[in-house]
Structure formats: structure tokens, C-alpha cells
Amino acid sequence: MSVLGGHQKDHGLLEYTSTKEDNDWALSGIVATVGAEETIESVQHRVEDAGFSNVEVIPMGGDKVFLRCRNNDDIMQVFNEAIDFFSLLFSNVHQWL
């Protein structure tokens, strides 16, 4: 049984194998936590209003987001160059592992 690039083993567990494209996409971003008082939509607007229209804020569920650059810039470099701004919005920032 094939499901989204995975398959079901005889023991009934679904196994997923990611493609190189999936891995490259995940490695192009960072994971962060948004403050409890913020909505994802308001954070995206604040990021764009600050001039970072190339930074995409993708909800991951709960207070976690995935940040990446739409134009394939290095998100970690963009983040670190404006750390004072981004640290107002995000905490627990780390590379996708």
C-alpha cells in the first residue's frame, strides 16, 4: 500500500522515505517558537512590514513555525543579521534536524 511516498510494512506500520528534494527543502529553513501572545499571521505581517518580504513563516502546529527564504537566500544569515528584530518574535531557534 503506497501512501505519500511511503509504504506499509507487513507489521502494519507506515514507513516514509523522504526524497532528496524534501531533505533539501527542510534543510533550507529553521524551526522556531512564536511567543504565546502572537498569531502566526500577525508574525508574518510584522516580518514583512520590517522589510523581510522574502522570509516565509510556515505554521508547524502549536507555537512552532518553520522559517525559510522564498528566494533561496540563507535564512540563518538573514536571521543573524537582524537578530535583534527576530528575537522579539521567535525563540528556541534551530536548524531542522
C-alpha atoms as a PDB file:
ATOM      1  CA  MET A   1       0.000   0.000   0.000  1.00  0.00           C
ATOM      2  CA  SER A   2       1.612   3.275  -1.101  1.00  0.00           C
ATOM      3  CA  VAL A   3       0.891   6.466   0.833  1.00  0.00           C
ATOM      4  CA  LEU A   4       2.646   9.778   0.103  1.00  0.00           C
ATOM      5  CA  GLY A   5       5.982   8.246  -0.780  1.00  0.00           C
ATOM      6  CA  GLY A   6       5.785   5.691   1.998  1.00  0.00           C
ATOM      7  CA  HIS A   7       4.635   2.133   2.195  1.00  0.00           C
ATOM      8  CA  GLN A   8       3.100  -0.133   4.748  1.00  0.00           C
ATOM      9  CA  LYS A   9       5.221  -2.968   6.076  1.00  0.00           C
ATOM     10  CA  ASP A  10       3.848  -6.415   6.905  1.00  0.00           C
ATOM     11  CA  HIS A  11       3.725  -5.462  10.596  1.00  0.00           C
ATOM     12  CA  GLY A  12       1.227  -2.684   9.791  1.00  0.00           C
ATOM     13  CA  LEU A  13       3.475   0.321  10.433  1.00  0.00           C
ATOM     14  CA  LEU A  14       3.768   3.015   7.818  1.00  0.00           C
ATOM     15  CA  GLU A  15       7.306   3.750   6.721  1.00  0.00           C
ATOM     16  CA  TYR A  16       8.175   7.015   4.965  1.00  0.00           C
ATOM     17  CA  THR A  17      11.286   7.627   2.933  1.00  0.00           C
ATOM     18  CA  SER A  18      11.898  11.265   2.046  1.00  0.00           C
ATOM     19  CA  THR A  19      13.286  12.344  -1.283  1.00  0.00           C
ATOM     20  CA  LYS A  20      16.445  14.404  -1.732  1.00  0.00           C
ATOM     21  CA  GLU A  21      14.220  17.326  -2.722  1.00  0.00           C
ATOM     22  CA  ASP A  22      12.281  17.007   0.565  1.00  0.00           C
ATOM     23  CA  ASN A  23      15.526  16.906   2.562  1.00  0.00           C
ATOM     24  CA  ASP A  24      16.997  19.894   0.726  1.00  0.00           C
ATOM     25  CA  TRP A  25      13.813  21.912   1.326  1.00  0.00           C
ATOM     26  CA  ALA A  26      13.778  21.065   5.057  1.00  0.00           C
ATOM     27  CA  LEU A  27      17.468  21.915   5.398  1.00  0.00           C
ATOM     28  CA  SER A  28      16.854  25.314   3.790  1.00  0.00           C
ATOM     29  CA  GLY A  29      14.927  26.518   6.827  1.00  0.00           C
ATOM     30  CA  ILE A  30      14.947  26.842  10.583  1.00  0.00           C
ATOM     31  CA  VAL A  31      12.447  25.925  13.282  1.00  0.00           C
ATOM     32  CA  ALA A  32      11.395  28.460  15.897  1.00  0.00           C
ATOM     33  CA  THR A  33       8.843  29.056  18.627  1.00  0.00           C
ATOM     34  CA  VAL A  34       6.458  32.013  18.437  1.00  0.00           C
ATOM     35  CA  GLY A  35       5.508  33.898  21.598  1.00  0.00           C
ATOM     36  CA  ALA A  36       2.165  32.918  23.134  1.00  0.00           C
ATOM     37  CA  GLU A  37       0.698  36.368  22.573  1.00  0.00           C
ATOM     38  CA  GLU A  38       1.365  36.266  18.804  1.00  0.00           C
ATOM     39  CA  THR A  39      -0.589  34.667  15.979  1.00  0.00           C
ATOM     40  CA  ILE A  40       1.282  33.217  13.015  1.00  0.00           C
ATOM     41  CA  GLU A  41      -0.496  35.651  10.699  1.00  0.00           C
ATOM     42  CA  SER A  42       0.493  38.677  12.785  1.00  0.00           C
ATOM     43  CA  VAL A  43       4.110  37.459  12.934  1.00  0.00           C
ATOM     44  CA  GLN A  44       4.204  37.065   9.131  1.00  0.00           C
ATOM     45  CA  HIS A  45       2.867  40.626   8.750  1.00  0.00           C
ATOM     46  CA  ARG A  46       5.414  42.017  11.211  1.00  0.00           C
ATOM     47  CA  VAL A  47       8.232  40.249   9.359  1.00  0.00           C
ATOM     48  CA  GLU A  48       7.040  41.634   6.005  1.00  0.00           C
ATOM     49  CA  ASP A  49       6.458  45.134   7.448  1.00  0.00           C
ATOM     50  CA  ALA A  50      10.074  45.129   8.677  1.00  0.00           C
ATOM     51  CA  GLY A  51      11.224  44.623   5.078  1.00  0.00           C
ATOM     52  CA  PHE A  52      11.760  40.866   5.095  1.00  0.00           C
ATOM     53  CA  SER A  53       9.257  40.023   2.357  1.00  0.00           C
ATOM     54  CA  ASN A  54      11.397  37.062   1.306  1.00  0.00           C
ATOM     55  CA  VAL A  55      11.046  35.345   4.719  1.00  0.00           C
ATOM     56  CA  GLU A  56       8.197  32.855   4.868  1.00  0.00           C
ATOM     57  CA  VAL A  57       6.652  31.875   8.223  1.00  0.00           C
ATOM     58  CA  ILE A  58       5.111  28.402   7.897  1.00  0.00           C
ATOM     59  CA  PRO A  59       2.980  27.047  10.769  1.00  0.00           C
ATOM     60  CA  MET A  60       4.029  23.622  12.080  1.00  0.00           C
ATOM     61  CA  GLY A  61       1.371  23.291  14.744  1.00  0.00           C
ATOM     62  CA  GLY A  62       1.059  24.785  18.182  1.00  0.00           C
ATOM     63  CA  ASP A  63       3.580  27.571  18.656  1.00  0.00           C
ATOM     64  CA  LYS A  64       6.184  26.112  16.252  1.00  0.00           C
ATOM     65  CA  VAL A  65       6.975  27.625  12.871  1.00  0.00           C
ATOM     66  CA  PHE A  66       9.318  26.841  10.015  1.00  0.00           C
ATOM     67  CA  LEU A  67      11.172  29.862   8.611  1.00  0.00           C
ATOM     68  CA  ARG A  68      12.711  29.907   5.161  1.00  0.00           C
ATOM     69  CA  CYS A  69      13.556  32.388   2.439  1.00  0.00           C
ATOM     70  CA  ARG A  70      11.338  32.347  -0.641  1.00  0.00           C
ATOM     71  CA  ASN A  71      14.269  33.349  -2.855  1.00  0.00           C
ATOM     72  CA  ASN A  72      16.618  30.621  -1.538  1.00  0.00           C
ATOM     73  CA  ASP A  73      18.753  33.056   0.491  1.00  0.00           C
ATOM     74  CA  ASP A  74      20.365  31.561   3.594  1.00  0.00           C
ATOM     75  CA  ILE A  75      17.707  32.013   6.297  1.00  0.00           C
ATOM     76  CA  MET A  76      20.256  31.652   9.091  1.00  0.00           C
ATOM     77  CA  GLN A  77      22.310  34.516   7.666  1.00  0.00           C
ATOM     78  CA  VAL A  78      19.201  36.698   7.251  1.00  0.00           C
ATOM     79  CA  PHE A  79      18.118  35.829  10.796  1.00  0.00           C
ATOM     80  CA  ASN A  80      21.530  36.511  12.342  1.00  0.00           C
ATOM     81  CA  GLU A  81      21.946  39.838  10.505  1.00  0.00           C
ATOM     82  CA  ALA A  82      18.707  41.053  12.110  1.00  0.00           C
ATOM     83  CA  ILE A  83      18.860  39.072  15.353  1.00  0.00           C
ATOM     84  CA  ASP A  84      17.597  41.995  17.447  1.00  0.00           C
ATOM     85  CA  PHE A  85      14.375  42.143  15.412  1.00  0.00           C
ATOM     86  CA  PHE A  86      13.806  38.399  15.028  1.00  0.00           C
ATOM     87  CA  SER A  87      14.490  37.678  18.709  1.00  0.00           C
ATOM     88  CA  LEU A  88      11.446  39.838  19.544  1.00  0.00           C
ATOM     89  CA  LEU A  89       9.259  37.357  17.651  1.00  0.00           C
ATOM     90  CA  PHE A  90      10.986  33.984  17.884  1.00  0.00           C
ATOM     91  CA  SER A  91      12.735  31.839  20.481  1.00  0.00           C
ATOM     92  CA  ASN A  92      14.218  28.325  20.515  1.00  0.00           C
ATOM     93  CA  VAL A  93      15.591  28.815  17.003  1.00  0.00           C
ATOM     94  CA  HIS A  94      17.444  25.866  15.486  1.00  0.00           C
ATOM     95  CA  GLN A  95      18.203  24.175  12.207  1.00  0.00           C
ATOM     96  CA  TRP A  96      15.850  21.427  11.058  1.00  0.00           C
ATOM     97  CA  LEU A  97      17.495  18.148  12.029  1.00  0.00           C
END
